[in-house]
Protein backbone atom coordinates (compact mmCIF):
# COMPACT_ATOMS: atom_id res chain seq x y z
CA MET A 1 -89.18 16.68 19.92
CA ASN A 2 -85.88 17.32 18.16
CA THR A 3 -83.55 14.96 16.32
CA VAL A 4 -80.06 15.73 15.06
CA LEU A 5 -79.56 15.08 11.36
CA LYS A 6 -76.51 12.87 10.69
CA SER A 7 -76.31 13.55 6.95
CA HIS A 8 -73.23 15.43 5.72
CA THR A 9 -74.58 16.25 2.27
CA PRO A 10 -74.16 19.93 1.29
CA LYS A 11 -77.88 20.25 0.58
CA VAL A 12 -78.80 19.80 4.27
CA THR A 13 -78.71 23.24 5.86
CA ARG A 14 -80.67 22.76 9.07
CA LEU A 15 -79.05 21.25 12.15
CA PHE A 16 -82.06 19.29 13.40
CA SER A 17 -85.75 18.74 12.74
CA ASN A 18 -88.67 19.90 14.83
CA LEU A 19 -90.83 16.80 15.13
CA GLU A 20 -94.25 16.55 16.73
CA LEU A 21 -95.98 13.32 17.69
CA ASP A 22 -99.30 13.17 15.86
CA ARG A 23 -101.23 10.09 16.99
CA ASP A 24 -99.02 7.20 15.87
CA HIS A 25 -96.44 9.00 13.74
CA PHE A 26 -94.11 11.99 13.81
CA SER A 27 -94.77 15.02 11.62
CA HIS A 28 -92.17 17.59 10.62
CA GLN A 29 -92.93 21.09 11.95
CA PRO A 30 -90.53 23.41 10.14
CA GLY A 31 -90.48 27.01 11.19
CA SER A 32 -91.18 29.67 8.59
CA ILE A 33 -89.19 32.78 7.76
CA LEU A 34 -92.44 34.76 7.81
CA GLY A 35 -93.34 33.55 11.30
CA SER A 36 -89.86 34.20 12.71
CA THR A 37 -89.73 37.61 11.04
CA ALA A 38 -93.05 38.50 12.66
CA LEU A 39 -91.73 37.34 16.05
CA VAL A 40 -88.67 39.60 15.80
CA ALA A 41 -90.72 42.56 14.54
CA GLY A 42 -93.45 42.06 17.15
CA THR A 43 -90.91 41.88 19.97
CA THR A 44 -89.21 45.07 18.77
CA VAL A 45 -92.34 47.18 18.37
CA GLY A 46 -93.34 48.10 21.90
CA ALA A 47 -93.64 51.00 24.29
CA GLY A 48 -90.06 52.10 23.58
CA VAL A 49 -91.34 53.88 20.48
CA LEU A 50 -93.27 56.29 22.74
CA ALA A 51 -90.05 57.75 24.14
CA LEU A 52 -88.36 58.34 20.80
CA PRO A 53 -89.85 61.78 19.93
CA ALA A 54 -88.95 63.22 23.35
CA VAL A 55 -85.28 62.23 23.09
CA THR A 56 -84.87 62.90 19.34
CA MET A 57 -86.59 66.30 19.29
CA PRO A 58 -83.50 68.26 20.49
CA SER A 59 -81.39 66.92 17.60
CA GLY A 60 -84.04 67.15 14.87
CA VAL A 61 -85.39 64.84 12.18
CA VAL A 62 -82.28 64.38 10.02
CA PRO A 63 -79.74 63.70 12.81
CA SER A 64 -82.15 61.38 14.65
CA THR A 65 -82.85 59.49 11.41
CA VAL A 66 -79.13 58.90 10.94
CA GLY A 67 -78.86 57.94 14.61
CA LEU A 68 -81.71 55.42 14.39
CA ILE A 69 -80.14 53.75 11.36
CA ALA A 70 -76.75 53.58 13.10
CA VAL A 71 -78.26 52.07 16.27
CA TRP A 72 -80.25 49.62 14.14
CA LEU A 73 -77.02 48.49 12.45
CA TYR A 74 -75.37 48.04 15.87
CA THR A 75 -78.28 46.00 17.23
CA LEU A 76 -78.43 43.97 14.01
CA ILE A 77 -74.76 43.01 14.35
CA SER A 78 -75.18 42.09 18.01
CA GLY A 79 -78.31 40.09 17.15
CA LEU A 80 -76.44 38.15 14.47
CA LEU A 81 -73.61 37.51 16.96
CA ILE A 82 -76.11 35.93 19.38
CA ALA A 83 -77.52 33.86 16.53
CA GLU A 84 -73.99 32.76 15.58
CA VAL A 85 -73.24 31.62 19.13
CA SER A 86 -76.57 29.79 19.31
CA LEU A 87 -76.07 28.08 15.95
CA ASN A 88 -72.50 27.03 16.69
CA LYS A 89 -73.49 25.77 20.13
CA MET A 90 -76.04 23.55 18.40
CA ARG A 91 -73.38 22.27 16.00
CA ILE A 92 -71.04 21.46 18.88
CA THR A 93 -73.52 19.94 21.34
CA GLY A 94 -76.11 18.54 18.94
CA SER A 95 -79.01 20.00 20.90
CA PRO A 96 -81.16 23.15 20.55
CA SER A 97 -80.46 26.29 22.55
CA ASN A 98 -81.91 26.73 26.03
CA GLY A 99 -82.35 30.50 26.03
CA LEU A 100 -80.14 33.58 26.14
CA LEU A 101 -79.13 33.38 29.82
CA GLY A 102 -78.45 29.64 29.58
CA MET A 103 -76.31 30.28 26.52
CA VAL A 104 -74.34 32.96 28.40
CA GLU A 105 -73.67 30.56 31.28
CA SER A 106 -72.48 27.75 29.00
CA THR A 107 -70.17 30.14 27.13
CA LEU A 108 -68.91 32.64 29.72
CA GLY A 109 -69.40 30.62 32.91
CA LYS A 110 -71.06 31.50 36.21
CA LEU A 111 -69.63 35.04 36.41
CA GLY A 112 -70.87 35.92 32.94
CA ALA A 113 -74.27 34.42 33.76
CA ARG A 114 -74.52 36.50 36.95
CA ILE A 115 -73.63 39.71 35.14
CA ALA A 116 -76.12 38.94 32.35
CA GLY A 117 -78.74 37.92 34.91
CA GLY A 118 -78.27 41.16 36.81
CA ALA A 119 -78.59 43.19 33.61
CA TYR A 120 -81.66 41.17 32.61
CA LEU A 121 -83.29 41.72 36.01
CA PHE A 122 -82.49 45.45 36.02
CA LEU A 123 -83.84 45.79 32.47
CA HIS A 124 -87.18 44.20 33.33
CA TYR A 125 -87.74 46.15 36.54
CA ALA A 126 -86.66 49.45 34.95
CA LEU A 127 -89.06 48.98 32.05
CA LEU A 128 -91.91 47.90 34.33
CA VAL A 129 -91.39 51.08 36.35
CA ALA A 130 -91.45 53.11 33.14
CA TYR A 131 -94.57 51.41 31.79
CA ILE A 132 -96.53 51.64 35.05
CA ALA A 133 -95.66 55.32 35.49
CA GLN A 134 -96.46 56.30 31.90
CA GLY A 135 -99.49 54.02 31.57
CA GLY A 136 -100.92 55.37 34.82
CA GLY A 137 -100.32 58.95 33.74
CA ILE A 138 -102.15 58.44 30.43
CA LEU A 139 -105.01 56.67 32.23
CA VAL A 140 -105.48 59.57 34.68
CA SER A 141 -105.24 62.12 31.88
CA ALA A 142 -107.93 60.29 29.89
CA ILE A 143 -110.27 60.19 32.90
CA GLU A 144 -109.72 63.91 33.55
CA GLN A 145 -110.51 64.75 29.93
CA VAL A 146 -113.74 62.76 30.11
CA TRP A 147 -114.70 64.58 33.32
CA GLY A 148 -113.64 67.94 31.90
CA VAL A 149 -111.09 68.72 34.62
CA GLN A 150 -107.31 69.18 34.61
CA HIS A 151 -104.69 68.12 37.17
CA PHE A 152 -107.44 67.03 39.54
CA LEU A 153 -106.54 63.39 40.21
CA PRO A 154 -103.30 62.50 42.06
CA ALA A 155 -100.54 60.74 40.11
CA TRP A 156 -100.43 57.79 42.52
CA LEU A 157 -104.00 56.95 41.57
CA GLY A 158 -102.97 56.40 37.95
CA THR A 159 -100.08 54.04 38.73
CA THR A 160 -102.26 52.11 41.17
CA MET A 161 -105.14 51.82 38.69
CA PHE A 162 -102.86 50.71 35.86
CA THR A 163 -101.19 48.06 38.01
CA LEU A 164 -104.46 46.75 39.42
CA LEU A 165 -106.11 46.68 35.98
CA PHE A 166 -103.47 45.02 33.83
CA GLY A 167 -101.66 43.25 36.67
CA GLY A 168 -105.00 41.92 37.90
CA ILE A 169 -105.82 40.59 34.43
CA MET A 170 -102.53 38.68 34.39
CA TYR A 171 -102.91 37.42 37.95
CA LEU A 172 -106.54 36.27 37.67
CA GLY A 173 -106.68 35.32 33.99
CA GLN A 174 -105.56 32.05 32.44
CA GLU A 175 -102.49 32.27 30.21
CA LYS A 176 -104.48 31.48 27.05
CA PHE A 177 -106.97 34.25 27.88
CA VAL A 178 -104.15 36.75 28.44
CA GLN A 179 -102.55 35.74 25.14
CA LYS A 180 -105.83 36.25 23.24
CA LEU A 181 -106.39 39.58 24.98
CA ASN A 182 -102.84 40.62 24.16
CA SER A 183 -103.49 39.79 20.49
CA VAL A 184 -106.50 42.12 20.58
CA PHE A 185 -104.31 44.83 22.13
CA VAL A 186 -101.71 44.35 19.39
CA GLY A 187 -104.44 44.76 16.77
CA ILE A 188 -105.54 48.02 18.41
CA VAL A 189 -101.91 49.22 18.43
CA ILE A 190 -101.48 48.50 14.71
CA VAL A 191 -104.75 50.15 13.66
CA SER A 192 -104.19 53.22 15.85
CA PHE A 193 -100.57 53.53 14.65
CA ILE A 194 -101.66 53.62 11.01
CA GLY A 195 -104.37 56.13 11.86
CA LEU A 196 -101.84 58.30 13.70
CA LEU A 197 -99.46 58.40 10.76
CA LEU A 198 -102.28 59.38 8.41
CA LEU A 199 -103.64 62.11 10.71
CA ALA A 200 -100.29 63.54 11.74
CA ALA A 201 -98.90 63.48 8.19
CA ASN A 202 -101.42 66.17 7.25
CA GLN A 203 -99.95 68.47 9.91
CA VAL A 204 -96.27 68.01 9.05
CA ASN A 205 -94.42 71.28 8.56
CA PRO A 206 -91.46 70.78 6.17
CA ALA A 207 -89.58 73.59 7.95
CA GLN A 208 -89.23 71.33 11.01
CA PHE A 209 -86.96 69.05 8.97
CA LEU A 210 -84.39 71.84 8.81
CA VAL A 211 -83.89 71.84 12.59
CA GLN A 212 -80.57 70.09 13.26
CA ASP A 213 -78.36 69.80 16.33
CA TRP A 214 -75.97 66.89 15.92
CA THR A 215 -74.44 67.47 19.38
CA ALA A 216 -77.77 66.51 21.02
CA LEU A 217 -77.90 63.11 19.31
CA GLY A 218 -75.84 61.30 21.97
CA GLY A 219 -78.57 61.71 24.55
CA ALA A 220 -81.01 59.71 22.43
CA VAL A 221 -78.86 56.61 21.83
CA SER A 222 -79.79 54.72 25.02
CA VAL A 223 -83.54 55.04 24.35
CA MET A 224 -82.99 54.02 20.73
CA LEU A 225 -81.31 50.86 22.04
CA VAL A 226 -84.39 50.10 24.15
CA ALA A 227 -86.73 50.67 21.19
CA LEU A 228 -84.70 48.35 18.92
CA PHE A 229 -84.03 45.55 21.43
CA TYR A 230 -85.27 42.05 20.51
CA HIS A 231 -82.25 39.92 21.36
CA ASN A 232 -83.84 37.83 24.09
CA ILE A 233 -85.93 35.91 21.52
CA ILE A 234 -83.12 35.16 19.03
CA PRO A 235 -82.43 31.67 20.51
CA VAL A 236 -86.15 30.95 20.01
CA VAL A 237 -85.88 32.00 16.34
CA VAL A 238 -82.82 29.79 15.84
CA THR A 239 -84.68 26.82 17.31
CA GLN A 240 -87.86 27.48 15.33
CA LEU A 241 -85.87 27.58 12.06
CA GLU A 242 -84.03 24.34 12.92
CA GLY A 243 -80.60 25.96 12.90
CA ASP A 244 -80.77 26.99 9.24
CA ALA A 245 -78.25 29.85 9.15
CA ARG A 246 -79.60 31.39 5.94
CA LYS A 247 -83.17 31.49 7.24
CA VAL A 248 -82.07 32.77 10.65
CA ARG A 249 -80.06 35.61 9.13
CA LYS A 250 -82.89 36.57 6.80
CA SER A 251 -85.49 36.55 9.59
CA ILE A 252 -83.38 38.75 11.88
CA VAL A 253 -82.57 41.25 9.13
CA LEU A 254 -86.16 41.52 7.85
CA GLY A 255 -87.66 41.37 11.33
CA SER A 256 -85.54 44.32 12.48
CA VAL A 257 -85.91 46.36 9.26
CA ILE A 258 -89.71 46.48 9.55
CA PRO A 259 -89.70 48.22 12.98
CA LEU A 260 -86.87 50.50 11.80
CA ILE A 261 -89.02 51.75 8.91
CA MET A 262 -91.97 52.22 11.29
CA PHE A 263 -89.81 54.13 13.78
CA LEU A 264 -88.29 56.37 11.09
CA ALA A 265 -91.76 57.28 9.76
CA TRP A 266 -93.11 57.76 13.30
CA ASN A 267 -90.18 59.96 14.34
CA ALA A 268 -90.39 62.15 11.23
CA VAL A 269 -94.15 62.59 11.39
CA ILE A 270 -94.30 63.42 15.11
CA LEU A 271 -91.34 65.83 15.07
CA GLY A 272 -92.67 67.40 11.89
CA SER A 273 -96.04 68.01 13.57
CA ILE A 274 -94.60 69.95 16.50
CA SER A 275 -94.41 73.72 16.18
CA ALA A 276 -92.79 76.27 18.47
CA ASP A 277 -96.11 77.79 19.60
CA MET A 278 -97.11 74.43 21.14
CA PHE A 279 -94.47 75.00 23.83
CA GLN A 280 -95.76 78.40 24.91
CA GLY A 281 -96.33 78.51 28.65
CA ILE A 282 -93.64 75.97 29.38
CA SER A 283 -90.90 77.77 31.25
CA ASP A 284 -88.75 75.06 32.84
CA GLY A 285 -85.50 75.15 30.87
CA ASN A 286 -84.31 71.91 32.44
CA ALA A 287 -87.38 69.87 31.53
CA VAL A 288 -87.43 67.17 28.87
CA PHE A 289 -90.34 68.08 26.65
CA ASP A 290 -92.41 65.14 25.42
CA PRO A 291 -94.06 65.93 22.06
CA LEU A 292 -96.50 63.06 22.54
CA GLU A 293 -97.73 64.51 25.83
CA ILE A 294 -98.36 67.84 24.13
CA LEU A 295 -100.19 66.19 21.23
CA ARG A 296 -102.21 63.98 23.60
CA GLY A 297 -103.39 67.18 25.26
CA GLY A 298 -105.06 68.24 22.01
CA SER A 299 -102.50 70.70 20.63
CA GLY A 300 -102.51 68.87 17.31
CA GLY A 301 -106.26 68.38 17.17
CA ARG A 302 -108.78 66.48 19.27
CA TRP A 303 -108.87 63.25 17.24
CA LEU A 304 -105.09 63.11 16.99
CA GLY A 305 -104.92 63.45 20.77
CA VAL A 306 -107.50 60.71 21.34
CA LEU A 307 -105.88 58.32 18.88
CA LEU A 308 -102.45 58.99 20.35
CA SER A 309 -103.73 58.22 23.85
CA VAL A 310 -105.24 54.92 22.65
CA PHE A 311 -102.05 53.95 20.83
CA SER A 312 -99.84 54.89 23.78
CA GLU A 313 -101.88 53.06 26.41
CA PHE A 314 -102.20 49.80 24.48
CA ALA A 315 -98.58 49.87 23.30
CA ILE A 316 -97.58 50.12 26.96
CA ALA A 317 -100.05 47.36 27.91
CA THR A 318 -98.65 44.88 25.36
CA SER A 319 -95.07 45.59 26.44
CA PHE A 320 -96.10 45.38 30.10
CA ILE A 321 -97.60 41.92 29.60
CA GLY A 322 -94.51 40.67 27.77
CA PHE A 323 -92.06 41.90 30.38
CA VAL A 324 -94.12 40.57 33.29
CA TYR A 325 -94.02 37.12 31.69
CA GLY A 326 -90.30 37.53 31.08
CA LEU A 327 -89.73 38.40 34.74
CA LEU A 328 -91.90 35.49 35.87
CA ASP A 329 -89.82 33.05 33.80
CA PHE A 330 -86.58 34.59 35.11
CA LEU A 331 -87.63 34.23 38.76
CA LYS A 332 -88.68 30.62 38.20
CA ASP A 333 -85.43 29.75 36.41
CA THR A 334 -83.18 31.35 39.03
CA ASN A 335 -85.03 29.95 42.03
CA ARG A 336 -86.42 26.45 41.69
CA ARG A 337 -88.47 26.92 44.85
CA VAL A 338 -90.53 29.58 43.08
CA SER A 339 -93.52 28.15 41.26
CA ASN A 340 -96.79 29.34 39.81
CA GLN A 341 -98.89 27.34 42.26
CA PRO A 342 -101.96 29.15 43.64
CA SER A 343 -100.35 29.42 47.10
CA GLN A 344 -97.31 31.21 45.65
CA ARG A 345 -98.95 33.28 42.93
CA LEU A 346 -99.80 36.28 45.11
CA PRO A 347 -96.32 36.66 46.71
CA LEU A 348 -94.71 36.16 43.29
CA TYR A 349 -96.83 38.81 41.59
CA CYS A 350 -96.36 41.18 44.55
CA LEU A 351 -92.60 40.75 44.16
CA ILE A 352 -92.95 41.87 40.55
CA PHE A 353 -95.55 44.63 40.82
CA LEU A 354 -95.01 46.35 44.18
CA PRO A 355 -91.42 47.64 43.65
CA ALA A 356 -92.25 48.92 40.16
CA MET A 357 -95.54 50.50 41.28
CA SER A 358 -93.87 52.13 44.30
CA LEU A 359 -91.15 53.78 42.21
CA GLY A 360 -93.69 54.84 39.61
CA THR A 361 -95.84 56.40 42.34
CA ILE A 362 -92.91 58.24 43.95
CA ASN A 363 -91.81 59.67 40.60
CA PRO A 364 -94.66 59.73 38.03
CA HIS A 365 -92.34 61.33 35.45
CA ILE A 366 -89.76 58.54 35.60
CA PHE A 367 -90.68 57.10 32.17
CA LEU A 368 -87.84 58.59 30.14
CA THR A 369 -85.33 58.24 32.97
CA ALA A 370 -86.10 54.54 33.46
CA LEU A 371 -85.80 53.86 29.72
CA ASP A 372 -82.52 55.78 29.62
CA TYR A 373 -81.04 53.71 32.46
CA ALA A 374 -82.34 50.48 30.92
CA GLY A 375 -80.64 51.24 27.61
CA THR A 376 -77.43 52.55 29.17
CA PHE A 377 -76.72 49.82 31.71
CA SER A 378 -78.74 46.75 30.66
CA ILE A 379 -79.02 46.67 26.89
CA SER A 380 -75.43 47.87 26.43
CA VAL A 381 -74.42 44.73 28.36
CA LEU A 382 -77.00 42.25 27.01
CA GLY A 383 -77.01 43.60 23.46
CA GLY A 384 -73.40 44.73 23.12
CA ILE A 385 -70.72 43.43 25.47
CA ILE A 386 -72.09 39.95 26.20
CA PRO A 387 -72.70 38.92 22.53
CA ALA A 388 -69.21 40.10 21.53
CA LEU A 389 -67.51 38.27 24.44
CA MET A 390 -69.47 35.06 23.78
CA THR A 391 -68.55 35.14 20.11
CA TRP A 392 -64.89 35.90 20.88
CA LYS A 393 -64.57 33.00 23.32
CA GLN A 394 -66.44 30.54 21.12
CA ARG A 395 -64.35 31.39 18.08
CA GLU A 396 -61.12 31.08 20.06
CA GLU A 397 -62.03 27.73 21.57
CA ASN A 398 -63.07 26.29 18.19
CA ARG A 399 -60.72 28.16 15.83
CA TYR A 400 -59.44 24.89 14.34
CA SER A 401 -62.90 23.42 13.94
CA HIS A 402 -64.69 23.54 10.59
CA SER A 403 -68.09 23.37 12.34
CA ILE A 404 -67.89 27.05 13.37
CA GLN A 405 -69.68 29.38 10.96
CA PRO A 406 -69.37 33.17 11.47
CA LEU A 407 -72.49 35.20 10.68
CA VAL A 408 -70.74 38.56 11.09
CA PRO A 409 -67.60 39.51 9.14
CA GLY A 410 -64.69 41.56 10.43
CA GLY A 411 -63.19 39.12 12.93
CA LYS A 412 -61.90 40.52 16.23
CA LEU A 413 -62.01 44.11 14.96
CA THR A 414 -65.82 43.98 14.75
CA LEU A 415 -66.03 42.52 18.27
CA ILE A 416 -63.68 45.18 19.68
CA VAL A 417 -65.77 47.93 18.09
CA MET A 418 -68.97 46.43 19.56
CA ILE A 419 -67.49 46.33 23.07
CA THR A 420 -65.96 49.82 22.75
CA VAL A 421 -69.28 51.36 21.66
CA ALA A 422 -71.13 49.67 24.53
CA LEU A 423 -68.56 50.89 27.08
CA ALA A 424 -68.77 54.42 25.63
CA ILE A 425 -72.56 54.40 26.07
CA ILE A 426 -72.20 53.24 29.69
CA ILE A 427 -69.54 55.85 30.48
CA HIS A 428 -71.55 58.61 28.79
CA GLY A 429 -74.72 57.57 30.60
CA GLY A 430 -72.97 57.20 33.94
């Protein structure tokens, strides 16, 4: 339950109070900066990190480090713009936000909502295709290594097994069970990630840090956008922190810095562990070489390969669960006839899984391509153009109101730069 605070004293920074009925009285349930920071960081760290070494390897460690920091700054600004719109909407209406897509509709109208909805839908299906294809490939590879064979099982078997395993858990399991299981998966991801950094750090060759090709950096930007995307949960953070602008800003900054540091360390360690002799026998000059696939095959040592397979599979599983739930909520919000009743559960889950599994089966190597398209066409819109347009319109409509509080400096120039960069990414990717 939420109540709007009427006090105008300067000491009151939050816009409302989260109240919860406890027996016969209400108790205040303030959100914490630590909890909101963890939510942002947890949303950011997902399977997108698996694609980073493949797209950053052509440019090298130093250029890709600069690129990651630049993309982080871009996503931070767009995240703060969404938070600004959400906060100011609360100030104007006196009620908490109702989610990113609802906020787009109330600010940019039906057309803006349809464009954002299309981008949101494309993003979720593209990433599900990527996760099913890559998760299935890793699963088949692990089975073949246990059996002591290579390239024996068909690729379609992996995508089918991955979908049936993790999709079946979500379909048959209760939501609380899936949440607990997902928490276990997250724990495995964290432990295996730390182990990977420690193992791979011993194999880093400093000479690899001298490899630089700044012209190849542009091809990595779209995947970097996917890896650093967390904007769909910003309205949740704003609501949890009761519209306190200082706490919201701090949570978004800290919550995005933590994954950035992890990604920078991950990128440097993986690229530093790859040597030229690991690519011997690969002759296709048009192929996109995935360092993680090479390391999973044992080129960097058996235990590194095993640990990397565990990390990769469970990172994909946690992201898969999150995006399936996101797609379920989207389908329910856009079509009121869709429900989670037992009679409609199977058709609903088939609508989610079958298209993604089919594309993943047709093209088992679609992982990087799907992430590239998701970053180019969906996140550029949802995390670049839409936040800038919402902020522009809201500021214009309330330019004489003292209730509007900008979170990002620079005025219209900043918004123009945000839109221009997003359009450049789309044009370059198209």
